[in-house]
Amino acid sequence: MSQHFFHTQHEGRPIRVLTGWDRPLQGHFLVIEYLDTEEMLYSNLDDPVIAAFGGLPRTMSYFSVLLQELGVSVPRNIIDAVQFDQLANAGNRQVEYDEHGVAIRAT
């Protein structure tokens, strides 16, 4: 599974966006959690719209629209990196980005 971590804000509150490619299940995931509480803003596993796909859509387009609807801005290069992970069927990859979307740590 690839994991891409990005910290930003939602309505003035700090959040962490985690998205990536799940190689074993062949789908994308998205989890957004507030950092000032244990509350989740969004989890693909709780989304009834994509439940028929096991909560893991095969493209990032659903999540791109969802992020816009939530008012969460994620730099395009992060979305592109996750799509590349799908093409490469990447696994065991973690990338952390700064607030501008620049990769600051990758393993």
PDB file of N, CA and C in Angstrom:
ATOM      1  N   MET A   1       0.846  -1.169   0.000  1.00  0.00           N
ATOM      2  CA  MET A   1       0.000   0.000   0.000  1.00  0.00           C
ATOM      3  C   MET A   1       0.892   1.233   0.000  1.00  0.00           C
ATOM      4  N   SER A   2       0.574   2.185  -0.855  1.00  0.00           N
ATOM      5  CA  SER A   2       1.272   3.464  -0.797  1.00  0.00           C
ATOM      6  C   SER A   2       0.483   4.399   0.111  1.00  0.00           C
ATOM      7  N   GLN A   3       1.200   5.266   0.787  1.00  0.00           N
ATOM      8  CA  GLN A   3       0.575   6.223   1.702  1.00  0.00           C
ATOM      9  C   GLN A   3       1.184   7.594   1.466  1.00  0.00           C
ATOM     10  N   HIS A   4       0.325   8.575   1.250  1.00  0.00           N
ATOM     11  CA  HIS A   4       0.748   9.958   1.044  1.00  0.00           C
ATOM     12  C   HIS A   4       0.087  10.808   2.125  1.00  0.00           C
ATOM     13  N   PHE A   5       0.912  11.456   2.952  1.00  0.00           N
ATOM     14  CA  PHE A   5       0.445  12.259   4.085  1.00  0.00           C
ATOM     15  C   PHE A   5       0.615  13.743   3.773  1.00  0.00           C
ATOM     16  N   PHE A   6      -0.449  14.509   4.004  1.00  0.00           N
ATOM     17  CA  PHE A   6      -0.413  15.942   3.748  1.00  0.00           C
ATOM     18  C   PHE A   6      -1.166  16.646   4.867  1.00  0.00           C
ATOM     19  N   HIS A   7      -0.527  17.630   5.501  1.00  0.00           N
ATOM     20  CA  HIS A   7      -1.160  18.403   6.566  1.00  0.00           C
ATOM     21  C   HIS A   7      -1.646  19.737   6.011  1.00  0.00           C
ATOM     22  N   THR A   8      -2.880  20.079   6.369  1.00  0.00           N
ATOM     23  CA  THR A   8      -3.456  21.344   5.925  1.00  0.00           C
ATOM     24  C   THR A   8      -4.533  21.740   6.938  1.00  0.00           C
ATOM     25  N   GLN A   9      -5.473  22.581   6.524  1.00  0.00           N
ATOM     26  CA  GLN A   9      -6.532  23.027   7.424  1.00  0.00           C
ATOM     27  C   GLN A   9      -7.892  22.846   6.766  1.00  0.00           C
ATOM     28  N   HIS A  10      -8.876  22.649   7.617  1.00  0.00           N
ATOM     29  CA  HIS A  10     -10.277  22.598   7.178  1.00  0.00           C
ATOM     30  C   HIS A  10     -11.071  23.483   8.123  1.00  0.00           C
ATOM     31  N   GLU A  11     -11.625  24.548   7.577  1.00  0.00           N
ATOM     32  CA  GLU A  11     -12.401  25.504   8.374  1.00  0.00           C
ATOM     33  C   GLU A  11     -11.631  25.953   9.614  1.00  0.00           C
ATOM     34  N   GLY A  12     -10.352  26.234   9.415  1.00  0.00           N
ATOM     35  CA  GLY A  12      -9.504  26.748  10.487  1.00  0.00           C
ATOM     36  C   GLY A  12      -8.951  25.709  11.437  1.00  0.00           C
ATOM     37  N   ARG A  13      -9.277  24.460  11.214  1.00  0.00           N
ATOM     38  CA  ARG A  13      -8.784  23.393  12.088  1.00  0.00           C
ATOM     39  C   ARG A  13      -7.727  22.579  11.353  1.00  0.00           C
ATOM     40  N   PRO A  14      -6.674  22.145  12.063  1.00  0.00           N
ATOM     41  CA  PRO A  14      -5.630  21.348  11.407  1.00  0.00           C
ATOM     42  C   PRO A  14      -6.122  19.940  11.093  1.00  0.00           C
ATOM     43  N   ILE A  15      -5.776  19.480   9.891  1.00  0.00           N
ATOM     44  CA  ILE A  15      -6.151  18.129   9.479  1.00  0.00           C
ATOM     45  C   ILE A  15      -4.949  17.432   8.844  1.00  0.00           C
ATOM     46  N   ARG A  16      -5.058  16.119   8.812  1.00  0.00           N
ATOM     47  CA  ARG A  16      -4.088  15.312   8.077  1.00  0.00           C
ATOM     48  C   ARG A  16      -4.859  14.517   7.029  1.00  0.00           C
ATOM     49  N   VAL A  17      -4.412  14.660   5.794  1.00  0.00           N
ATOM     50  CA  VAL A  17      -4.988  13.918   4.680  1.00  0.00           C
ATOM     51  C   VAL A  17      -4.070  12.731   4.407  1.00  0.00           C
ATOM     52  N   LEU A  18      -4.640  11.555   4.376  1.00  0.00           N
ATOM     53  CA  LEU A  18      -3.904  10.340   4.048  1.00  0.00           C
ATOM     54  C   LEU A  18      -4.600   9.712   2.851  1.00  0.00           C
ATOM     55  N   THR A  19      -3.869   9.543   1.768  1.00  0.00           N
ATOM     56  CA  THR A  19      -4.420   8.930   0.577  1.00  0.00           C
ATOM     57  C   THR A  19      -3.372   8.026  -0.040  1.00  0.00           C
ATOM     58  N   GLY A  20      -3.814   7.125  -0.894  1.00  0.00           N
ATOM     59  CA  GLY A  20      -2.849   6.241  -1.529  1.00  0.00           C
ATOM     60  C   GLY A  20      -3.516   5.138  -2.320  1.00  0.00           C
ATOM     61  N   TRP A  21      -2.689   4.177  -2.686  1.00  0.00           N
ATOM     62  CA  TRP A  21      -3.095   3.030  -3.491  1.00  0.00           C
ATOM     63  C   TRP A  21      -2.943   1.770  -2.652  1.00  0.00           C
ATOM     64  N   ASP A  22      -4.009   0.997  -2.546  1.00  0.00           N
ATOM     65  CA  ASP A  22      -3.969  -0.266  -1.820  1.00  0.00           C
ATOM     66  C   ASP A  22      -3.698  -1.374  -2.840  1.00  0.00           C
ATOM     67  N   ARG A  23      -2.453  -1.813  -2.893  1.00  0.00           N
ATOM     68  CA  ARG A  23      -2.055  -2.802  -3.893  1.00  0.00           C
ATOM     69  C   ARG A  23      -2.804  -4.129  -3.750  1.00  0.00           C
ATOM     70  N   PRO A  24      -2.913  -4.706  -2.547  1.00  0.00           N
ATOM     71  CA  PRO A  24      -3.622  -5.986  -2.452  1.00  0.00           C
ATOM     72  C   PRO A  24      -5.093  -5.904  -2.871  1.00  0.00           C
ATOM     73  N   LEU A  25      -5.758  -4.796  -2.536  1.00  0.00           N
ATOM     74  CA  LEU A  25      -7.184  -4.672  -2.846  1.00  0.00           C
ATOM     75  C   LEU A  25      -7.452  -3.911  -4.141  1.00  0.00           C
ATOM     76  N   GLN A  26      -6.386  -3.376  -4.772  1.00  0.00           N
ATOM     77  CA  GLN A  26      -6.479  -2.710  -6.071  1.00  0.00           C
ATOM     78  C   GLN A  26      -7.482  -1.555  -6.080  1.00  0.00           C
ATOM     79  N   GLY A  27      -7.315  -0.639  -5.131  1.00  0.00           N
ATOM     80  CA  GLY A  27      -8.179   0.540  -5.074  1.00  0.00           C
ATOM     81  C   GLY A  27      -7.517   1.675  -4.327  1.00  0.00           C
ATOM     82  N   HIS A  28      -8.084   2.854  -4.484  1.00  0.00           N
ATOM     83  CA  HIS A  28      -7.586   4.054  -3.803  1.00  0.00           C
ATOM     84  C   HIS A  28      -8.317   4.237  -2.481  1.00  0.00           C
ATOM     85  N   PHE A  29      -7.670   4.931  -1.561  1.00  0.00           N
ATOM     86  CA  PHE A  29      -8.302   5.229  -0.276  1.00  0.00           C
ATOM     87  C   PHE A  29      -8.035   6.680   0.097  1.00  0.00           C
ATOM     88  N   LEU A  30      -8.864   7.201   0.999  1.00  0.00           N
ATOM     89  CA  LEU A  30      -8.725   8.569   1.487  1.00  0.00           C
ATOM     90  C   LEU A  30      -9.260   8.630   2.902  1.00  0.00           C
ATOM     91  N   VAL A  31      -8.443   9.143   3.802  1.00  0.00           N
ATOM     92  CA  VAL A  31      -8.840   9.350   5.193  1.00  0.00           C
ATOM     93  C   VAL A  31      -8.408  10.763   5.575  1.00  0.00           C
ATOM     94  N   ILE A  32      -9.327  11.511   6.163  1.00  0.00           N
ATOM     95  CA  ILE A  32      -9.013  12.868   6.626  1.00  0.00           C
ATOM     96  C   ILE A  32      -9.376  12.939   8.096  1.00  0.00           C
ATOM     97  N   GLU A  33      -8.379  13.249   8.916  1.00  0.00           N
ATOM     98  CA  GLU A  33      -8.629  13.320  10.351  1.00  0.00           C
ATOM     99  C   GLU A  33      -8.238  14.684  10.891  1.00  0.00           C
ATOM    100  N   TYR A  34      -9.027  15.133  11.858  1.00  0.00           N
ATOM    101  CA  TYR A  34      -8.685  16.364  12.559  1.00  0.00           C
ATOM    102  C   TYR A  34      -7.535  16.067  13.510  1.00  0.00           C
ATOM    103  N   LEU A  35      -6.606  17.000  13.608  1.00  0.00           N
ATOM    104  CA  LEU A  35      -5.446  16.803  14.476  1.00  0.00           C
ATOM    105  C   LEU A  35      -5.664  17.364  15.883  1.00  0.00           C
ATOM    106  N   ASP A  36      -6.714  18.175  16.060  1.00  0.00           N
ATOM    107  CA  ASP A  36      -6.962  18.751  17.377  1.00  0.00           C
ATOM    108  C   ASP A  36      -7.962  17.923  18.199  1.00  0.00           C
ATOM    109  N   THR A  37      -8.506  16.871  17.606  1.00  0.00           N
ATOM    110  CA  THR A  37      -9.398  15.934  18.303  1.00  0.00           C
ATOM    111  C   THR A  37      -9.169  14.555  17.684  1.00  0.00           C
ATOM    112  N   GLU A  38      -9.889  13.580  18.144  1.00  0.00           N
ATOM    113  CA  GLU A  38      -9.809  12.248  17.543  1.00  0.00           C
ATOM    114  C   GLU A  38     -10.902  12.044  16.501  1.00  0.00           C
ATOM    115  N   GLU A  39     -11.493  13.120  16.065  1.00  0.00           N
ATOM    116  CA  GLU A  39     -12.608  13.104  15.120  1.00  0.00           C
ATOM    117  C   GLU A  39     -12.119  12.967  13.674  1.00  0.00           C
ATOM    118  N   MET A  40     -12.862  12.199  12.898  1.00  0.00           N
ATOM    119  CA  MET A  40     -12.573  12.045  11.470  1.00  0.00           C
ATOM    120  C   MET A  40     -13.470  12.999  10.687  1.00  0.00           C
ATOM    121  N   LEU A  41     -12.895  13.625   9.689  1.00  0.00           N
ATOM    122  CA  LEU A  41     -13.687  14.406   8.748  1.00  0.00           C
ATOM    123  C   LEU A  41     -14.248  13.479   7.670  1.00  0.00           C
ATOM    124  N   TYR A  42     -13.434  12.496   7.244  1.00  0.00           N
ATOM    125  CA  TYR A  42     -13.861  11.587   6.187  1.00  0.00           C
ATOM    126  C   TYR A  42     -13.037  10.304   6.250  1.00  0.00           C
ATOM    127  N   SER A  43     -13.697   9.198   5.932  1.00  0.00           N
ATOM    128  CA  SER A  43     -13.016   7.919   5.728  1.00  0.00           C
ATOM    129  C   SER A  43     -13.719   7.188   4.590  1.00  0.00           C
ATOM    130  N   ASN A  44     -12.960   6.731   3.630  1.00  0.00           N
ATOM    131  CA  ASN A  44     -13.545   6.011   2.507  1.00  0.00           C
ATOM    132  C   ASN A  44     -14.303   4.765   2.960  1.00  0.00           C
ATOM    133  N   LEU A  45     -13.924   4.176   4.075  1.00  0.00           N
ATOM    134  CA  LEU A  45     -14.597   2.970   4.549  1.00  0.00           C
ATOM    135  C   LEU A  45     -15.996   3.248   5.090  1.00  0.00           C
ATOM    136  N   ASP A  46     -16.275   4.526   5.394  1.00  0.00           N
ATOM    137  CA  ASP A  46     -17.591   4.910   5.911  1.00  0.00           C
ATOM    138  C   ASP A  46     -18.453   5.587   4.848  1.00  0.00           C
ATOM    139  N   ASP A  47     -18.000   5.617   3.613  1.00  0.00           N
ATOM    140  CA  ASP A  47     -18.697   6.333   2.544  1.00  0.00           C
ATOM    141  C   ASP A  47     -19.680   5.394   1.844  1.00  0.00           C
ATOM    142  N   PRO A  48     -20.991   5.625   2.012  1.00  0.00           N
ATOM    143  CA  PRO A  48     -21.969   4.721   1.411  1.00  0.00           C
ATOM    144  C   PRO A  48     -21.988   4.768  -0.121  1.00  0.00           C
ATOM    145  N   VAL A  49     -21.533   5.856  -0.708  1.00  0.00           N
ATOM    146  CA  VAL A  49     -21.540   5.982  -2.166  1.00  0.00           C
ATOM    147  C   VAL A  49     -20.600   4.973  -2.817  1.00  0.00           C
ATOM    148  N   ILE A  50     -19.472   4.703  -2.181  1.00  0.00           N
ATOM    149  CA  ILE A  50     -18.487   3.791  -2.770  1.00  0.00           C
ATOM    150  C   ILE A  50     -18.436   2.436  -2.064  1.00  0.00           C
ATOM    151  N   ALA A  51     -19.407   2.182  -1.203  1.00  0.00           N
ATOM    152  CA  ALA A  51     -19.437   0.906  -0.468  1.00  0.00           C
ATOM    153  C   ALA A  51     -19.492  -0.291  -1.416  1.00  0.00           C
ATOM    154  N   ALA A  52     -20.151  -0.128  -2.549  1.00  0.00           N
ATOM    155  CA  ALA A  52     -20.253  -1.231  -3.517  1.00  0.00           C
ATOM    156  C   ALA A  52     -18.896  -1.622  -4.083  1.00  0.00           C
ATOM    157  N   PHE A  53     -17.929  -0.710  -3.986  1.00  0.00           N
ATOM    158  CA  PHE A  53     -16.567  -0.983  -4.462  1.00  0.00           C
ATOM    159  C   PHE A  53     -15.653  -1.355  -3.299  1.00  0.00           C
ATOM    160  N   GLY A  54     -16.227  -1.730  -2.189  1.00  0.00           N
ATOM    161  CA  GLY A  54     -15.443  -2.045  -1.006  1.00  0.00           C
ATOM    162  C   GLY A  54     -14.826  -0.801  -0.392  1.00  0.00           C
ATOM    163  N   GLY A  55     -15.349   0.363  -0.766  1.00  0.00           N
ATOM    164  CA  GLY A  55     -14.818   1.624  -0.260  1.00  0.00           C
ATOM    165  C   GLY A  55     -13.524   2.036  -0.931  1.00  0.00           C
ATOM    166  N   LEU A  56     -13.132   1.322  -1.980  1.00  0.00           N
ATOM    167  CA  LEU A  56     -11.852   1.566  -2.649  1.00  0.00           C
ATOM    168  C   LEU A  56     -12.053   1.730  -4.160  1.00  0.00           C
ATOM    169  N   PRO A  57     -12.350   2.954  -4.611  1.00  0.00           N
ATOM    170  CA  PRO A  57     -12.543   3.136  -6.052  1.00  0.00           C
ATOM    171  C   PRO A  57     -11.252   2.933  -6.833  1.00  0.00           C
ATOM    172  N   ARG A  58     -11.392   2.578  -8.101  1.00  0.00           N
ATOM    173  CA  ARG A  58     -10.233   2.291  -8.951  1.00  0.00           C
ATOM    174  C   ARG A  58      -9.586   3.554  -9.508  1.00  0.00           C
ATOM    175  N   THR A  59     -10.246   4.699  -9.390  1.00  0.00           N
ATOM    176  CA  THR A  59      -9.643   5.955  -9.850  1.00  0.00           C
ATOM    177  C   THR A  59      -9.707   6.984  -8.733  1.00  0.00           C
ATOM    178  N   MET A  60      -8.893   8.028  -8.862  1.00  0.00           N
ATOM    179  CA  MET A  60      -8.872   9.111  -7.875  1.00  0.00           C
ATOM    180  C   MET A  60      -9.928  10.175  -8.162  1.00  0.00           C
ATOM    181  N   SER A  61     -10.641  10.063  -9.277  1.00  0.00           N
ATOM    182  CA  SER A  61     -11.576  11.126  -9.653  1.00  0.00           C
ATOM    183  C   SER A  61     -12.665  11.341  -8.597  1.00  0.00           C
ATOM    184  N   TYR A  62     -13.172  10.274  -8.010  1.00  0.00           N
ATOM    185  CA  TYR A  62     -14.194  10.426  -6.970  1.00  0.00           C
ATOM    186  C   TYR A  62     -13.646  11.235  -5.805  1.00  0.00           C
ATOM    187  N   PHE A  63     -12.437  10.922  -5.360  1.00  0.00           N
ATOM    188  CA  PHE A  63     -11.852  11.629  -4.228  1.00  0.00           C
ATOM    189  C   PHE A  63     -11.484  13.069  -4.579  1.00  0.00           C
ATOM    190  N   SER A  64     -11.088  13.313  -5.808  1.00  0.00           N
ATOM    191  CA  SER A  64     -10.775  14.687  -6.223  1.00  0.00           C
ATOM    192  C   SER A  64     -12.011  15.570  -6.103  1.00  0.00           C
ATOM    193  N   VAL A  65     -13.146  15.075  -6.558  1.00  0.00           N
ATOM    194  CA  VAL A  65     -14.412  15.818  -6.448  1.00  0.00           C
ATOM    195  C   VAL A  65     -14.803  15.967  -4.981  1.00  0.00           C
ATOM    196  N   LEU A  66     -14.670  14.901  -4.221  1.00  0.00           N
ATOM    197  CA  LEU A  66     -15.024  14.929  -2.801  1.00  0.00           C
ATOM    198  C   LEU A  66     -14.192  15.966  -2.046  1.00  0.00           C
ATOM    199  N   LEU A  67     -12.892  16.007  -2.304  1.00  0.00           N
ATOM    200  CA  LEU A  67     -12.029  16.985  -1.646  1.00  0.00           C
ATOM    201  C   LEU A  67     -12.495  18.405  -1.946  1.00  0.00           C
ATOM    202  N   GLN A  68     -12.868  18.674  -3.184  1.00  0.00           N
ATOM    203  CA  GLN A  68     -13.388  19.999  -3.542  1.00  0.00           C
ATOM    204  C   GLN A  68     -14.673  20.299  -2.783  1.00  0.00           C
ATOM    205  N   GLU A  69     -15.572  19.327  -2.712  1.00  0.00           N
ATOM    206  CA  GLU A  69     -16.837  19.515  -1.995  1.00  0.00           C
ATOM    207  C   GLU A  69     -16.611  19.781  -0.513  1.00  0.00           C
ATOM    208  N   LEU A  70     -15.602  19.143   0.065  1.00  0.00           N
ATOM    209  CA  LEU A  70     -15.281  19.354   1.484  1.00  0.00           C
ATOM    210  C   LEU A  70     -14.520  20.654   1.721  1.00  0.00           C
ATOM    211  N   GLY A  71     -14.024  21.254   0.652  1.00  0.00           N
ATOM    212  CA  GLY A  71     -13.234  22.473   0.792  1.00  0.00           C
ATOM    213  C   GLY A  71     -11.821  22.203   1.255  1.00  0.00           C
ATOM    214  N   VAL A  72     -11.312  21.016   0.948  1.00  0.00           N
ATOM    215  CA  VAL A  72      -9.950  20.630   1.320  1.00  0.00           C
ATOM    216  C   VAL A  72      -9.097  20.687   0.058  1.00  0.00           C
ATOM    217  N   SER A  73      -8.089  21.541   0.088  1.00  0.00           N
ATOM    218  CA  SER A  73      -7.213  21.716  -1.071  1.00  0.00           C
ATOM    219  C   SER A  73      -5.974  20.829  -0.926  1.00  0.00           C
ATOM    220  N   VAL A  74      -5.838  19.906  -1.859  1.00  0.00           N
ATOM    221  CA  VAL A  74      -4.671  19.031  -1.907  1.00  0.00           C
ATOM    222  C   VAL A  74      -3.946  19.325  -3.219  1.00  0.00           C
ATOM    223  N   PRO A  75      -2.658  19.644  -3.159  1.00  0.00           N
ATOM    224  CA  PRO A  75      -1.924  19.957  -4.387  1.00  0.00           C
ATOM    225  C   PRO A  75      -2.028  18.848  -5.434  1.00  0.00           C
ATOM    226  N   ARG A  76      -2.105  19.262  -6.679  1.00  0.00           N
ATOM    227  CA  ARG A  76      -2.284  18.328  -7.794  1.00  0.00           C
ATOM    228  C   ARG A  76      -1.170  17.286  -7.862  1.00  0.00           C
ATOM    229  N   ASN A  77       0.048  17.671  -7.490  1.00  0.00           N
ATOM    230  CA  ASN A  77       1.151  16.715  -7.581  1.00  0.00           C
ATOM    231  C   ASN A  77       0.961  15.516  -6.638  1.00  0.00           C
ATOM    232  N   ILE A  78       0.247  15.708  -5.557  1.00  0.00           N
ATOM    233  CA  ILE A  78      -0.019  14.594  -4.640  1.00  0.00           C
ATOM    234  C   ILE A  78      -1.025  13.627  -5.280  1.00  0.00           C
ATOM    235  N   ILE A  79      -2.072  14.179  -5.874  1.00  0.00           N
ATOM    236  CA  ILE A  79      -3.051  13.349  -6.582  1.00  0.00           C
ATOM    237  C   ILE A  79      -2.357  12.594  -7.715  1.00  0.00           C
ATOM    238  N   ASP A  80      -1.495  13.294  -8.451  1.00  0.00           N
ATOM    239  CA  ASP A  80      -0.756  12.661  -9.552  1.00  0.00           C
ATOM    240  C   ASP A  80       0.140  11.532  -9.039  1.00  0.00           C
ATOM    241  N   ALA A  81       0.779  11.737  -7.879  1.00  0.00           N
ATOM    242  CA  ALA A  81       1.663  10.717  -7.308  1.00  0.00           C
ATOM    243  C   ALA A  81       0.881   9.459  -6.944  1.00  0.00           C
ATOM    244  N   VAL A  82      -0.323   9.646  -6.420  1.00  0.00           N
ATOM    245  CA  VAL A  82      -1.159   8.496  -6.066  1.00  0.00           C
ATOM    246  C   VAL A  82      -1.605   7.761  -7.332  1.00  0.00           C
ATOM    247  N   GLN A  83      -1.937   8.502  -8.365  1.00  0.00           N
ATOM    248  CA  GLN A  83      -2.310   7.866  -9.629  1.00  0.00           C
ATOM    249  C   GLN A  83      -1.116   7.107 -10.230  1.00  0.00           C
ATOM    250  N   PHE A  84       0.076   7.656 -10.080  1.00  0.00           N
ATOM    251  CA  PHE A  84       1.272   6.956 -10.539  1.00  0.00           C
ATOM    252  C   PHE A  84       1.472   5.659  -9.758  1.00  0.00           C
ATOM    253  N   ASP A  85       1.186   5.704  -8.446  1.00  0.00           N
ATOM    254  CA  ASP A  85       1.292   4.489  -7.637  1.00  0.00           C
ATOM    255  C   ASP A  85       0.392   3.389  -8.184  1.00  0.00           C
ATOM    256  N   GLN A  86      -0.794   3.763  -8.651  1.00  0.00           N
ATOM    257  CA  GLN A  86      -1.688   2.778  -9.246  1.00  0.00           C
ATOM    258  C   GLN A  86      -1.060   2.184 -10.507  1.00  0.00           C
ATOM    259  N   LEU A  87      -0.540   3.048 -11.368  1.00  0.00           N
ATOM    260  CA  LEU A  87       0.068   2.563 -12.615  1.00  0.00           C
ATOM    261  C   LEU A  87       1.253   1.643 -12.345  1.00  0.00           C
ATOM    262  N   ALA A  88       2.032   1.973 -11.309  1.00  0.00           N
ATOM    263  CA  ALA A  88       3.200   1.178 -10.954  1.00  0.00           C
ATOM    264  C   ALA A  88       2.850   0.030 -10.002  1.00  0.00           C
ATOM    265  N   ASN A  89       1.579  -0.011  -9.570  1.00  0.00           N
ATOM    266  CA  ASN A  89       1.120  -0.979  -8.576  1.00  0.00           C
ATOM    267  C   ASN A  89       2.039  -0.956  -7.350  1.00  0.00           C
ATOM    268  N   ALA A  90       2.309   0.259  -6.890  1.00  0.00           N
ATOM    269  CA  ALA A  90       3.253   0.486  -5.792  1.00  0.00           C
ATOM    270  C   ALA A  90       2.722  -0.047  -4.468  1.00  0.00           C
ATOM    271  N   GLY A  91       3.624  -0.498  -3.667  1.00  0.00           N
ATOM    272  CA  GLY A  91       3.310  -0.943  -2.321  1.00  0.00           C
ATOM    273  C   GLY A  91       4.449  -0.562  -1.398  1.00  0.00           C
ATOM    274  N   ASN A  92       4.174  -0.510  -0.107  1.00  0.00           N
ATOM    275  CA  ASN A  92       5.202  -0.205   0.897  1.00  0.00           C
ATOM    276  C   ASN A  92       5.926   1.106   0.606  1.00  0.00           C
ATOM    277  N   ARG A  93       5.175   2.116   0.216  1.00  0.00           N
ATOM    278  CA  ARG A  93       5.739   3.432  -0.076  1.00  0.00           C
ATOM    279  C   ARG A  93       5.027   4.461   0.781  1.00  0.00           C
ATOM    280  N   GLN A  94       5.808   5.298   1.474  1.00  0.00           N
ATOM    281  CA  GLN A  94       5.242   6.380   2.273  1.00  0.00           C
ATOM    282  C   GLN A  94       5.912   7.681   1.883  1.00  0.00           C
ATOM    283  N   VAL A  95       5.088   8.708   1.655  1.00  0.00           N
ATOM    284  CA  VAL A  95       5.602  10.034   1.325  1.00  0.00           C
ATOM    285  C   VAL A  95       4.871  11.047   2.187  1.00  0.00           C
ATOM    286  N   GLU A  96       5.640  11.907   2.836  1.00  0.00           N
ATOM    287  CA  GLU A  96       5.067  12.991   3.627  1.00  0.00           C
ATOM    288  C   GLU A  96       5.389  14.303   2.931  1.00  0.00           C
ATOM    289  N   TYR A  97       4.402  15.192   2.887  1.00  0.00           N
ATOM    290  CA  TYR A  97       4.528  16.464   2.187  1.00  0.00           C
ATOM    291  C   TYR A  97       4.416  17.622   3.166  1.00  0.00           C
ATOM    292  N   ASP A  98       5.065  18.735   2.819  1.00  0.00           N
ATOM    293  CA  ASP A  98       4.886  19.944   3.627  1.00  0.00           C
ATOM    294  C   ASP A  98       3.585  20.635   3.200  1.00  0.00           C
ATOM    295  N   GLU A  99       3.298  21.786   3.811  1.00  0.00           N
ATOM    296  CA  GLU A  99       2.029  22.472   3.556  1.00  0.00           C
ATOM    297  C   GLU A  99       1.886  22.995   2.128  1.00  0.00           C
ATOM    298  N   HIS A 100       2.983  22.973   1.358  1.00  0.00           N
ATOM    299  CA  HIS A 100       2.941  23.416  -0.039  1.00  0.00           C
ATOM    300  C   HIS A 100       2.880  22.247  -1.008  1.00  0.00           C
ATOM    301  N   GLY A 101       2.904  21.038  -0.498  1.00  0.00           N
ATOM    302  CA  GLY A 101       2.840  19.860  -1.354  1.00  0.00           C
ATOM    303  C   GLY A 101       4.202  19.372  -1.820  1.00  0.00           C
ATOM    304  N   VAL A 102       5.267  19.842  -1.178  1.00  0.00           N
ATOM    305  CA  VAL A 102       6.612  19.397  -1.515  1.00  0.00           C
ATOM    306  C   VAL A 102       6.945  18.193  -0.640  1.00  0.00           C
ATOM    307  N   ALA A 103       7.401  17.117  -1.273  1.00  0.00           N
ATOM    308  CA  ALA A 103       7.758  15.918  -0.520  1.00  0.00           C
ATOM    309  C   ALA A 103       8.929  16.215   0.406  1.00  0.00           C
ATOM    310  N   ILE A 104       8.759  15.917   1.686  1.00  0.00           N
ATOM    311  CA  ILE A 104       9.828  16.177   2.659  1.00  0.00           C
ATOM    312  C   ILE A 104      10.415  14.892   3.228  1.00  0.00           C
ATOM    313  N   ARG A 105       9.695  13.775   3.059  1.00  0.00           N
ATOM    314  CA  ARG A 105      10.207  12.489   3.536  1.00  0.00           C
ATOM    315  C   ARG A 105       9.568  11.397   2.708  1.00  0.00           C
ATOM    316  N   ALA A 106      10.374  10.480   2.228  1.00  0.00           N
ATOM    317  CA  ALA A 106       9.857   9.346   1.467  1.00  0.00           C
ATOM    318  C   ALA A 106      10.603   8.089   1.861  1.00  0.00           C
ATOM    319  N   THR A 107       9.851   7.020   2.037  1.00  0.00           N
ATOM    320  CA  THR A 107      10.447   5.717   2.346  1.00  0.00           C
ATOM    321  C   THR A 107       9.831   4.652   1.476  1.00  0.00           C
TER     322      THR A 107
END
